[in-house]
Each structure stands twice: as structure tokens, then as C-alpha cells.
N, C-alpha and C. Protein backbone atom coordinates (compact mmCIF):
# COMPACT_ATOMS: atom_id res chain seq x y z
N MET A 1 -4.05 39.62 -38.02
CA MET A 1 -5.20 40.21 -38.65
C MET A 1 -4.83 40.77 -40.02
N GLU A 2 -3.65 41.38 -40.10
CA GLU A 2 -3.21 41.94 -41.38
C GLU A 2 -3.01 40.83 -42.41
N TRP A 3 -2.49 39.67 -41.95
CA TRP A 3 -2.24 38.55 -42.87
C TRP A 3 -3.55 38.09 -43.49
N ILE A 4 -4.63 38.04 -42.69
CA ILE A 4 -5.94 37.61 -43.20
C ILE A 4 -6.43 38.59 -44.27
N GLN A 5 -6.22 39.90 -44.04
CA GLN A 5 -6.66 40.91 -45.01
C GLN A 5 -5.85 40.83 -46.30
N ARG A 6 -4.55 40.49 -46.19
CA ARG A 6 -3.70 40.40 -47.38
C ARG A 6 -3.90 39.09 -48.13
N ASN A 7 -4.28 37.99 -47.41
CA ASN A 7 -4.42 36.66 -48.01
C ASN A 7 -5.79 36.06 -47.68
N PRO A 8 -6.86 36.61 -48.20
CA PRO A 8 -8.20 36.12 -47.83
C PRO A 8 -8.46 34.69 -48.29
N LYS A 9 -7.95 34.28 -49.45
CA LYS A 9 -8.17 32.92 -49.93
C LYS A 9 -7.46 31.90 -49.05
N LYS A 10 -6.24 32.20 -48.65
CA LYS A 10 -5.49 31.30 -47.76
C LYS A 10 -6.16 31.21 -46.40
N ALA A 11 -6.67 32.32 -45.90
CA ALA A 11 -7.34 32.33 -44.60
C ALA A 11 -8.59 31.47 -44.63
N VAL A 12 -9.37 31.56 -45.72
CA VAL A 12 -10.58 30.73 -45.86
C VAL A 12 -10.18 29.26 -45.95
N GLY A 13 -9.14 28.95 -46.71
CA GLY A 13 -8.67 27.57 -46.84
C GLY A 13 -8.22 26.98 -45.51
N LEU A 14 -7.44 27.75 -44.73
CA LEU A 14 -7.00 27.26 -43.42
C LEU A 14 -8.16 27.08 -42.46
N SER A 15 -9.13 27.98 -42.51
CA SER A 15 -10.31 27.86 -41.65
C SER A 15 -11.10 26.61 -42.00
N ALA A 16 -11.28 26.36 -43.31
CA ALA A 16 -12.00 25.17 -43.74
C ALA A 16 -11.26 23.90 -43.32
N LEU A 17 -9.94 23.90 -43.42
CA LEU A 17 -9.14 22.75 -43.01
C LEU A 17 -9.27 22.51 -41.51
N ALA A 18 -9.26 23.55 -40.71
CA ALA A 18 -9.40 23.42 -39.26
C ALA A 18 -10.76 22.84 -38.89
N VAL A 19 -11.82 23.31 -39.55
CA VAL A 19 -13.17 22.78 -39.29
C VAL A 19 -13.24 21.31 -39.68
N LEU A 20 -12.64 20.94 -40.81
CA LEU A 20 -12.63 19.55 -41.26
C LEU A 20 -11.91 18.65 -40.25
N VAL A 21 -10.78 19.09 -39.73
CA VAL A 21 -10.03 18.31 -38.74
C VAL A 21 -10.86 18.11 -37.48
N VAL A 22 -11.54 19.15 -37.01
CA VAL A 22 -12.38 19.05 -35.82
C VAL A 22 -13.52 18.07 -36.05
N VAL A 23 -14.17 18.13 -37.22
CA VAL A 23 -15.27 17.22 -37.54
C VAL A 23 -14.77 15.78 -37.56
N ILE A 24 -13.64 15.52 -38.17
CA ILE A 24 -13.09 14.16 -38.22
C ILE A 24 -12.75 13.66 -36.82
N LEU A 25 -12.16 14.49 -35.99
CA LEU A 25 -11.82 14.08 -34.62
C LEU A 25 -13.07 13.76 -33.82
N VAL A 26 -14.08 14.61 -33.89
CA VAL A 26 -15.31 14.38 -33.13
C VAL A 26 -16.00 13.11 -33.63
N TRP A 27 -16.07 12.93 -34.93
CA TRP A 27 -16.72 11.75 -35.50
C TRP A 27 -15.96 10.47 -35.10
N GLY A 28 -14.64 10.51 -35.16
CA GLY A 28 -13.83 9.34 -34.81
C GLY A 28 -13.92 8.96 -33.34
N MET A 29 -14.04 9.94 -32.47
CA MET A 29 -14.10 9.66 -31.04
C MET A 29 -15.49 9.23 -30.59
N SER A 30 -16.52 9.62 -31.32
CA SER A 30 -17.87 9.29 -30.89
C SER A 30 -18.26 7.87 -31.23
N GLY A 31 -17.65 7.24 -32.20
CA GLY A 31 -17.97 5.87 -32.58
C GLY A 31 -19.29 5.82 -33.32
N SER A 32 -19.86 4.62 -33.38
CA SER A 32 -21.08 4.44 -34.16
C SER A 32 -22.33 4.70 -33.34
N GLY A 33 -22.23 4.86 -32.05
CA GLY A 33 -23.38 5.13 -31.23
C GLY A 33 -23.98 3.87 -30.61
N THR A 34 -23.56 2.69 -31.04
CA THR A 34 -24.05 1.44 -30.45
C THR A 34 -22.90 0.74 -29.76
N PRO A 35 -23.15 0.12 -28.61
CA PRO A 35 -22.06 -0.58 -27.93
C PRO A 35 -21.62 -1.80 -28.72
N SER A 36 -20.33 -2.06 -28.69
CA SER A 36 -19.81 -3.22 -29.40
C SER A 36 -20.09 -4.48 -28.60
N ALA A 37 -20.19 -5.59 -29.29
CA ALA A 37 -20.45 -6.87 -28.63
C ALA A 37 -19.18 -7.42 -28.00
N GLU A 38 -18.04 -6.99 -28.46
CA GLU A 38 -16.76 -7.47 -27.95
C GLU A 38 -16.28 -6.60 -26.80
N PRO A 39 -15.55 -7.19 -25.83
CA PRO A 39 -14.98 -6.38 -24.75
C PRO A 39 -13.99 -5.37 -25.32
N THR A 40 -13.87 -4.24 -24.66
CA THR A 40 -13.00 -3.18 -25.17
C THR A 40 -11.52 -3.52 -25.05
N LEU A 41 -11.16 -4.43 -24.16
CA LEU A 41 -9.74 -4.75 -23.99
C LEU A 41 -9.32 -5.97 -24.81
N GLY A 42 -10.22 -6.54 -25.59
CA GLY A 42 -9.84 -7.65 -26.45
C GLY A 42 -9.79 -8.99 -25.74
N GLY A 43 -10.18 -9.08 -24.49
CA GLY A 43 -10.18 -10.34 -23.76
C GLY A 43 -11.49 -11.07 -23.95
N PRO A 44 -11.61 -12.27 -23.36
CA PRO A 44 -12.87 -13.01 -23.49
C PRO A 44 -13.98 -12.32 -22.72
N GLY A 45 -15.20 -12.56 -23.12
CA GLY A 45 -16.35 -11.98 -22.45
C GLY A 45 -16.50 -12.56 -21.05
N LEU A 46 -17.18 -11.83 -20.18
CA LEU A 46 -17.40 -12.29 -18.82
C LEU A 46 -18.53 -13.31 -18.80
N ALA A 47 -18.37 -14.33 -17.99
CA ALA A 47 -19.38 -15.37 -17.88
C ALA A 47 -19.91 -15.42 -16.46
N THR A 48 -21.17 -15.76 -16.32
CA THR A 48 -21.77 -15.92 -15.01
C THR A 48 -21.55 -17.36 -14.55
N PRO A 49 -21.14 -17.57 -13.28
CA PRO A 49 -20.95 -18.95 -12.81
C PRO A 49 -22.25 -19.74 -12.92
N THR A 50 -22.12 -21.00 -13.34
CA THR A 50 -23.30 -21.85 -13.50
C THR A 50 -23.38 -22.94 -12.45
N ALA A 51 -22.33 -23.15 -11.68
CA ALA A 51 -22.34 -24.21 -10.67
C ALA A 51 -21.78 -23.67 -9.37
N THR A 52 -22.15 -24.30 -8.28
CA THR A 52 -21.60 -23.91 -6.98
C THR A 52 -20.29 -24.64 -6.76
N PRO A 53 -19.38 -24.07 -5.97
CA PRO A 53 -18.10 -24.72 -5.73
C PRO A 53 -18.29 -26.09 -5.06
N THR A 54 -17.43 -27.04 -5.44
CA THR A 54 -17.54 -28.38 -4.87
C THR A 54 -16.61 -28.59 -3.68
N HIS A 55 -15.60 -27.73 -3.53
CA HIS A 55 -14.65 -27.87 -2.42
C HIS A 55 -14.90 -26.77 -1.40
N VAL A 56 -14.79 -27.13 -0.14
CA VAL A 56 -14.96 -26.18 0.94
C VAL A 56 -13.63 -26.06 1.66
N LEU A 57 -13.25 -24.83 2.01
CA LEU A 57 -12.02 -24.61 2.76
C LEU A 57 -12.19 -25.17 4.17
N SER A 58 -11.44 -26.23 4.49
CA SER A 58 -11.61 -26.86 5.80
C SER A 58 -10.50 -26.48 6.77
N ALA A 59 -9.39 -26.01 6.27
CA ALA A 59 -8.28 -25.61 7.15
C ALA A 59 -7.59 -24.42 6.53
N LEU A 60 -7.04 -23.58 7.37
CA LEU A 60 -6.30 -22.43 6.88
C LEU A 60 -4.96 -22.89 6.31
N PRO A 61 -4.51 -22.30 5.23
CA PRO A 61 -3.22 -22.68 4.68
C PRO A 61 -2.08 -22.30 5.61
N THR A 62 -1.02 -23.06 5.56
CA THR A 62 0.16 -22.76 6.37
C THR A 62 1.17 -22.02 5.50
N PRO A 63 2.01 -21.19 6.10
CA PRO A 63 2.98 -20.46 5.29
C PRO A 63 3.97 -21.40 4.62
N SER A 64 4.35 -21.06 3.40
CA SER A 64 5.31 -21.88 2.68
C SER A 64 6.73 -21.63 3.17
N ALA A 65 6.98 -20.46 3.74
CA ALA A 65 8.31 -20.14 4.24
C ALA A 65 8.19 -19.12 5.36
N VAL A 66 9.07 -19.22 6.29
CA VAL A 66 9.12 -18.29 7.41
C VAL A 66 10.42 -17.52 7.29
N PRO A 67 10.42 -16.22 7.55
CA PRO A 67 11.67 -15.47 7.42
C PRO A 67 12.75 -16.03 8.34
N THR A 68 13.93 -16.14 7.79
CA THR A 68 15.03 -16.70 8.58
C THR A 68 16.14 -15.70 8.82
N SER A 69 16.05 -14.54 8.23
CA SER A 69 17.10 -13.56 8.44
C SER A 69 16.49 -12.18 8.62
N THR A 70 17.31 -11.28 9.10
CA THR A 70 16.86 -9.90 9.28
C THR A 70 16.48 -9.28 7.95
N THR A 71 17.20 -9.60 6.89
CA THR A 71 16.89 -9.07 5.56
C THR A 71 15.50 -9.51 5.11
N ASP A 72 15.15 -10.79 5.34
CA ASP A 72 13.82 -11.28 4.98
C ASP A 72 12.74 -10.50 5.71
N VAL A 73 12.95 -10.24 6.99
CA VAL A 73 11.96 -9.52 7.79
C VAL A 73 11.80 -8.10 7.26
N MET A 74 12.90 -7.41 6.97
CA MET A 74 12.81 -6.03 6.49
C MET A 74 12.16 -5.96 5.11
N GLN A 75 12.42 -6.94 4.24
CA GLN A 75 11.77 -6.95 2.94
C GLN A 75 10.28 -7.19 3.09
N ALA A 76 9.89 -8.07 4.00
CA ALA A 76 8.46 -8.32 4.24
C ALA A 76 7.80 -7.08 4.83
N LEU A 77 8.49 -6.37 5.70
CA LEU A 77 7.95 -5.16 6.30
C LEU A 77 7.71 -4.11 5.23
N THR A 78 8.67 -3.94 4.34
CA THR A 78 8.53 -2.95 3.28
C THR A 78 7.40 -3.34 2.34
N ALA A 79 7.29 -4.62 2.00
CA ALA A 79 6.25 -5.08 1.09
C ALA A 79 4.87 -4.98 1.72
N ALA A 80 4.77 -5.13 3.03
CA ALA A 80 3.46 -5.13 3.69
C ALA A 80 2.75 -3.80 3.56
N GLY A 81 3.47 -2.72 3.44
CA GLY A 81 2.83 -1.42 3.32
C GLY A 81 3.11 -0.75 2.00
N SER A 82 3.32 -1.54 0.94
CA SER A 82 3.78 -0.96 -0.33
C SER A 82 2.66 -0.41 -1.20
N GLY A 83 1.45 -0.34 -0.68
CA GLY A 83 0.38 0.22 -1.48
C GLY A 83 0.52 1.70 -1.72
N THR A 84 1.29 2.41 -0.94
CA THR A 84 1.48 3.84 -1.11
C THR A 84 2.96 4.14 -1.05
N SER A 85 3.31 5.30 -1.53
CA SER A 85 4.71 5.70 -1.46
C SER A 85 5.08 6.02 -0.02
N LYS A 86 6.36 6.07 0.26
CA LYS A 86 6.81 6.34 1.62
C LYS A 86 6.31 7.69 2.13
N THR A 87 6.33 8.70 1.27
CA THR A 87 5.90 10.02 1.74
C THR A 87 4.40 10.06 1.93
N GLN A 88 3.62 9.35 1.10
CA GLN A 88 2.17 9.32 1.29
C GLN A 88 1.81 8.52 2.53
N ALA A 89 2.47 7.38 2.73
CA ALA A 89 2.10 6.50 3.82
C ALA A 89 2.36 7.12 5.18
N PHE A 90 3.33 8.00 5.28
CA PHE A 90 3.69 8.55 6.59
C PHE A 90 3.39 10.03 6.70
N GLY A 91 2.58 10.56 5.82
CA GLY A 91 2.11 11.93 5.96
C GLY A 91 3.17 13.00 5.80
N ALA A 92 4.24 12.73 5.07
CA ALA A 92 5.28 13.73 4.89
C ALA A 92 4.77 14.84 3.98
N SER A 93 5.06 16.08 4.35
CA SER A 93 4.59 17.20 3.55
C SER A 93 5.72 18.01 2.95
N GLY A 94 6.93 17.68 3.24
CA GLY A 94 8.05 18.43 2.70
C GLY A 94 8.69 19.30 3.77
N SER A 95 9.77 19.94 3.40
CA SER A 95 10.56 20.69 4.38
C SER A 95 9.95 22.02 4.75
N THR A 96 8.92 22.48 4.05
CA THR A 96 8.35 23.79 4.37
C THR A 96 7.35 23.73 5.51
N HIS A 97 6.94 22.53 5.91
CA HIS A 97 5.96 22.39 6.99
C HIS A 97 6.64 21.89 8.25
N SER A 98 6.19 22.37 9.38
CA SER A 98 6.72 21.92 10.65
C SER A 98 5.96 20.66 11.07
N LEU A 99 6.67 19.60 11.39
CA LEU A 99 6.04 18.34 11.78
C LEU A 99 5.91 18.27 13.29
N THR A 100 4.78 17.77 13.76
CA THR A 100 4.48 17.66 15.18
C THR A 100 5.31 16.55 15.81
N PRO A 101 5.98 16.80 16.95
CA PRO A 101 6.73 15.74 17.63
C PRO A 101 5.79 14.82 18.41
N HIS A 102 6.12 13.51 18.44
CA HIS A 102 5.33 12.52 19.16
C HIS A 102 6.27 11.50 19.80
N HIS A 103 5.79 10.87 20.87
CA HIS A 103 6.50 9.74 21.48
C HIS A 103 5.78 8.48 21.03
N VAL A 104 6.46 7.62 20.29
CA VAL A 104 5.85 6.41 19.75
C VAL A 104 6.49 5.18 20.37
N VAL A 105 5.66 4.18 20.70
CA VAL A 105 6.13 2.90 21.23
C VAL A 105 5.53 1.82 20.33
N ILE A 106 6.41 0.97 19.78
CA ILE A 106 5.96 -0.18 19.00
C ILE A 106 6.28 -1.43 19.77
N SER A 107 5.37 -2.39 19.77
CA SER A 107 5.61 -3.62 20.53
C SER A 107 4.95 -4.80 19.84
N ALA A 108 5.50 -5.97 20.10
CA ALA A 108 4.94 -7.24 19.62
C ALA A 108 5.06 -8.26 20.74
N GLN A 109 4.06 -9.09 20.88
CA GLN A 109 4.07 -10.12 21.91
C GLN A 109 3.49 -11.41 21.34
N SER A 110 3.84 -12.51 21.99
CA SER A 110 3.29 -13.82 21.65
C SER A 110 3.33 -14.69 22.88
N ASP A 111 2.45 -15.69 22.94
CA ASP A 111 2.49 -16.61 24.07
C ASP A 111 3.59 -17.65 23.90
N GLY A 112 4.21 -17.70 22.74
CA GLY A 112 5.38 -18.53 22.48
C GLY A 112 6.48 -17.64 21.93
N PRO A 113 7.65 -18.18 21.65
CA PRO A 113 8.73 -17.35 21.11
C PRO A 113 8.36 -16.74 19.76
N LEU A 114 8.71 -15.47 19.59
CA LEU A 114 8.53 -14.79 18.31
C LEU A 114 9.64 -15.23 17.35
N MET A 115 9.26 -15.57 16.13
CA MET A 115 10.28 -15.94 15.14
C MET A 115 11.09 -14.73 14.71
N ALA A 116 10.37 -13.63 14.41
CA ALA A 116 11.05 -12.43 13.92
C ALA A 116 10.15 -11.23 14.08
N VAL A 117 10.78 -10.07 14.27
CA VAL A 117 10.07 -8.79 14.34
C VAL A 117 10.87 -7.80 13.50
N GLY A 118 10.17 -7.07 12.64
CA GLY A 118 10.79 -6.00 11.87
C GLY A 118 10.01 -4.72 12.12
N TRP A 119 10.70 -3.60 12.19
CA TRP A 119 10.01 -2.34 12.48
C TRP A 119 10.65 -1.19 11.71
N TRP A 120 9.84 -0.12 11.57
CA TRP A 120 10.29 1.04 10.81
C TRP A 120 9.60 2.28 11.37
N ILE A 121 10.38 3.26 11.79
CA ILE A 121 9.88 4.57 12.23
C ILE A 121 10.66 5.59 11.40
N PRO A 122 10.13 6.01 10.24
CA PRO A 122 10.93 6.76 9.28
C PRO A 122 11.43 8.12 9.74
N PHE A 123 10.72 8.80 10.66
CA PHE A 123 11.15 10.13 11.08
C PHE A 123 11.61 10.14 12.53
N ALA A 124 12.13 9.02 13.01
CA ALA A 124 12.57 8.93 14.41
C ALA A 124 13.84 9.73 14.63
N ASP A 125 13.99 10.21 15.87
CA ASP A 125 15.24 10.88 16.24
C ASP A 125 16.39 9.88 16.29
N GLY A 126 16.12 8.68 16.78
CA GLY A 126 17.15 7.65 16.93
C GLY A 126 17.15 6.69 15.76
N GLU A 127 17.23 5.40 16.10
CA GLU A 127 17.23 4.36 15.08
C GLU A 127 15.91 4.37 14.33
N ARG A 128 15.97 4.26 13.00
CA ARG A 128 14.75 4.37 12.20
C ARG A 128 14.18 3.04 11.74
N LYS A 129 14.98 1.97 11.76
CA LYS A 129 14.47 0.65 11.40
C LYS A 129 15.31 -0.41 12.08
N GLY A 130 14.74 -1.58 12.18
CA GLY A 130 15.48 -2.66 12.82
C GLY A 130 14.72 -3.96 12.77
N ALA A 131 15.36 -4.99 13.28
CA ALA A 131 14.75 -6.33 13.31
C ALA A 131 15.26 -7.06 14.53
N ASP A 132 14.45 -8.02 14.99
CA ASP A 132 14.81 -8.83 16.15
C ASP A 132 14.46 -10.28 15.84
N THR A 133 15.45 -11.15 15.89
CA THR A 133 15.23 -12.59 15.69
C THR A 133 15.74 -13.36 16.89
N SER A 134 15.65 -12.75 18.08
CA SER A 134 16.20 -13.38 19.29
C SER A 134 15.34 -14.52 19.82
N GLY A 135 14.07 -14.59 19.42
CA GLY A 135 13.21 -15.66 19.91
C GLY A 135 12.53 -15.34 21.24
N SER A 136 12.56 -14.09 21.66
CA SER A 136 11.90 -13.73 22.92
C SER A 136 10.39 -13.68 22.70
N LYS A 137 9.63 -13.63 23.79
CA LYS A 137 8.17 -13.57 23.71
C LYS A 137 7.65 -12.15 23.56
N THR A 138 8.49 -11.16 23.85
CA THR A 138 8.06 -9.76 23.75
C THR A 138 9.14 -8.94 23.05
N PHE A 139 8.68 -7.89 22.39
CA PHE A 139 9.58 -6.93 21.76
C PHE A 139 8.96 -5.55 21.94
N SER A 140 9.80 -4.56 22.23
CA SER A 140 9.32 -3.19 22.37
C SER A 140 10.43 -2.22 21.99
N HIS A 141 10.04 -1.13 21.35
CA HIS A 141 10.99 -0.08 20.98
C HIS A 141 10.25 1.25 21.08
N ALA A 142 10.88 2.25 21.68
CA ALA A 142 10.27 3.57 21.83
C ALA A 142 11.22 4.63 21.28
N ASP A 143 10.65 5.70 20.73
CA ASP A 143 11.47 6.79 20.20
C ASP A 143 10.60 8.03 20.00
N LYS A 144 11.26 9.16 19.81
CA LYS A 144 10.58 10.40 19.47
C LYS A 144 10.55 10.48 17.95
N THR A 145 9.39 10.81 17.39
CA THR A 145 9.24 10.90 15.95
C THR A 145 8.39 12.12 15.61
N TYR A 146 8.26 12.40 14.33
CA TYR A 146 7.57 13.61 13.88
C TYR A 146 6.57 13.29 12.78
N GLY A 147 5.46 14.01 12.76
CA GLY A 147 4.45 13.83 11.72
C GLY A 147 3.06 13.91 12.31
N ASP A 148 2.07 13.63 11.47
CA ASP A 148 0.68 13.72 11.91
C ASP A 148 -0.06 12.39 11.88
N ASN A 149 0.37 11.43 11.07
CA ASN A 149 -0.29 10.13 11.03
C ASN A 149 0.67 9.08 10.50
N ASP A 150 0.32 7.83 10.71
CA ASP A 150 1.13 6.69 10.25
C ASP A 150 2.61 6.89 10.57
N LEU A 151 2.91 6.93 11.85
CA LEU A 151 4.26 7.25 12.30
C LEU A 151 5.19 6.05 12.34
N ALA A 152 4.64 4.83 12.38
CA ALA A 152 5.49 3.65 12.52
C ALA A 152 4.82 2.43 11.92
N ARG A 153 5.65 1.41 11.62
CA ARG A 153 5.18 0.11 11.16
C ARG A 153 5.92 -0.97 11.95
N ILE A 154 5.23 -2.07 12.22
CA ILE A 154 5.86 -3.22 12.86
C ILE A 154 5.24 -4.48 12.27
N LEU A 155 6.07 -5.46 11.98
CA LEU A 155 5.65 -6.74 11.44
C LEU A 155 6.23 -7.82 12.34
N ALA A 156 5.39 -8.72 12.83
CA ALA A 156 5.86 -9.76 13.75
C ALA A 156 5.37 -11.12 13.29
N TYR A 157 6.22 -12.13 13.43
CA TYR A 157 5.89 -13.51 13.10
C TYR A 157 5.94 -14.34 14.38
N GLY A 158 4.85 -15.05 14.66
CA GLY A 158 4.85 -15.97 15.79
C GLY A 158 5.65 -17.20 15.44
N GLY A 159 6.09 -17.92 16.45
CA GLY A 159 6.87 -19.13 16.23
C GLY A 159 6.00 -20.36 16.12
N PRO A 160 6.64 -21.55 16.02
CA PRO A 160 5.88 -22.79 15.86
C PRO A 160 5.04 -23.14 17.10
N ASN A 161 5.42 -22.65 18.27
CA ASN A 161 4.68 -22.95 19.49
C ASN A 161 3.73 -21.82 19.90
N SER A 162 3.60 -20.81 19.09
CA SER A 162 2.73 -19.68 19.42
C SER A 162 1.28 -20.02 19.10
N LYS A 163 0.40 -19.62 19.99
CA LYS A 163 -1.04 -19.78 19.75
C LYS A 163 -1.66 -18.43 19.40
N LYS A 164 -1.06 -17.34 19.90
CA LYS A 164 -1.58 -16.01 19.66
C LYS A 164 -0.40 -15.04 19.54
N THR A 165 -0.44 -14.18 18.54
CA THR A 165 0.61 -13.17 18.32
C THR A 165 -0.09 -11.85 18.06
N TRP A 166 0.43 -10.76 18.65
CA TRP A 166 -0.19 -9.46 18.44
C TRP A 166 0.86 -8.37 18.42
N CYS A 167 0.48 -7.24 17.82
CA CYS A 167 1.35 -6.06 17.77
C CYS A 167 0.53 -4.84 18.17
N THR A 168 1.24 -3.84 18.68
CA THR A 168 0.59 -2.62 19.16
C THR A 168 1.47 -1.42 18.81
N ILE A 169 0.83 -0.32 18.43
CA ILE A 169 1.52 0.96 18.25
C ILE A 169 0.83 1.97 19.16
N THR A 170 1.63 2.61 19.99
CA THR A 170 1.11 3.61 20.92
C THR A 170 1.78 4.95 20.59
N VAL A 171 0.95 6.00 20.42
CA VAL A 171 1.47 7.34 20.12
C VAL A 171 1.00 8.27 21.23
N ASP A 172 1.96 8.89 21.90
CA ASP A 172 1.68 9.82 23.00
C ASP A 172 0.76 9.19 24.04
N GLY A 173 1.00 7.91 24.36
CA GLY A 173 0.24 7.22 25.40
C GLY A 173 -1.10 6.66 24.94
N LYS A 174 -1.47 6.86 23.68
CA LYS A 174 -2.75 6.37 23.16
C LYS A 174 -2.50 5.27 22.13
N VAL A 175 -3.18 4.12 22.28
CA VAL A 175 -3.03 3.03 21.32
C VAL A 175 -3.69 3.45 20.01
N THR A 176 -2.90 3.50 18.94
CA THR A 176 -3.44 3.90 17.64
C THR A 176 -3.64 2.70 16.71
N GLU A 177 -3.02 1.58 17.00
CA GLU A 177 -3.16 0.39 16.16
C GLU A 177 -2.87 -0.85 16.99
N ARG A 178 -3.70 -1.88 16.81
CA ARG A 178 -3.49 -3.15 17.49
C ARG A 178 -4.06 -4.24 16.59
N GLN A 179 -3.24 -5.24 16.30
CA GLN A 179 -3.67 -6.37 15.48
C GLN A 179 -3.30 -7.66 16.20
N GLN A 180 -4.07 -8.71 15.93
CA GLN A 180 -3.84 -10.00 16.58
C GLN A 180 -4.08 -11.10 15.57
N ALA A 181 -3.30 -12.18 15.67
CA ALA A 181 -3.49 -13.35 14.81
C ALA A 181 -3.34 -14.60 15.65
N GLN A 182 -3.99 -15.66 15.24
CA GLN A 182 -4.00 -16.92 15.99
C GLN A 182 -3.21 -17.98 15.23
N GLY A 183 -2.63 -18.90 15.98
CA GLY A 183 -2.00 -20.08 15.41
C GLY A 183 -0.49 -19.96 15.29
N PRO A 184 0.14 -21.12 15.07
CA PRO A 184 1.59 -21.11 14.88
C PRO A 184 1.96 -20.38 13.60
N TYR A 185 3.10 -19.74 13.61
CA TYR A 185 3.63 -18.98 12.49
C TYR A 185 2.69 -17.83 12.06
N ALA A 186 1.88 -17.33 12.97
CA ALA A 186 0.96 -16.23 12.65
C ALA A 186 1.76 -14.97 12.32
N GLU A 187 1.23 -14.16 11.42
CA GLU A 187 1.86 -12.91 11.02
C GLU A 187 0.93 -11.75 11.36
N VAL A 188 1.47 -10.73 12.02
CA VAL A 188 0.68 -9.54 12.32
C VAL A 188 1.44 -8.31 11.83
N PHE A 189 0.68 -7.32 11.35
CA PHE A 189 1.25 -6.09 10.83
C PHE A 189 0.47 -4.92 11.39
N CYS A 190 1.17 -3.97 11.98
CA CYS A 190 0.54 -2.76 12.51
C CYS A 190 1.17 -1.54 11.85
N GLN A 191 0.33 -0.56 11.54
CA GLN A 191 0.80 0.71 11.00
C GLN A 191 -0.04 1.80 11.63
N GLY A 192 0.61 2.72 12.30
CA GLY A 192 -0.19 3.77 12.95
C GLY A 192 0.66 4.88 13.50
């Protein structure tokens, strides 16, 4: 306040400069008031389809590759739920919160041999991840885990002779997730 009283001309000049900067910023951000004809991202304009498709999907595509190793299965399992971070996907709140204990059972079955099964229980007391490529028709793993939601993931691939493949996650005796797929080499993913 004393500086303004000692330097009134400088204070007026700085005030005028501040007002000018605000006016320029507001004017520059508001634009001309009319929408531009060009897209804002510089890409081509959107077009409305003028014809109906000539090809109809007559058969479901077959997978280009089937996992052949435990590493392939674990990478596919990680990628299948990669839309969220690990802590978001499994409800982790940090070390200051007490997590509820649960008994979780993950399982996969098929009417033919399973090609591969990968699983992940991030807060399990015992083993936290694993894979099975034994070719059996059933797979099951149980453990004690902690948290409030999304306690486990399982990814299963049916074999060439499988007609139906499914996975199930059971928490404290209640089925929380069940998925099923049809056909050879079917892929199912459960998270719950």
C-alpha cells in the first residue's frame, strides 16, 4: 500500500497493463463467436454412410494364435483386465485401511481338454498367480484373500475339441462371476 502512495504513476501503469492482459486473454479464448467449418483436431470431416454393407458376417473368426506357454497365458491375463490400474481394479485402499478377509475359489471347466488357464489373486495369503497347461478338463484353486471387490481374475482357453468352456469365481460360498464361451479354442475371462 505504501508503494502505491509513493509511486502513483507506476501503480496506474501496472493496473492498466493487468487490465489489458486480461482483456487480451478473454478475447483470445472466446474466439469469433461462430463455429468453424473445419474440425477442431485438423482431421477430415465426418461423413454419413451412403450405402449399406455388402458383406455379412457368416462365421465367427478363429484365433490367429493360441497361447503355448505359461508366459503367454500370464501376459494375456494381465492384458485382459488392463483397463484400470492394479490398485483400482482390486479395490486397494492403502495400508491405513483394514481389508476384509474372504475365501475365494477360482475354477475353469471345459467339455474337452483346456489348452491353458492363467489366474491372479493379488492379495492372497498363499500363491498369488499361476498357470496350468496340463490339458485337464477342470481347474480349481482356492485361497484366503483380502479386500472388498474384484478379488481374483482367471483366464481360460478351451482346446481344439472343446465345445463349451466356462470360468467361475466364488467368494465366501457365493458365485460372484461366471462366464461361458462356445466352440473350439474359446476364451473366457472372469473377474470378481
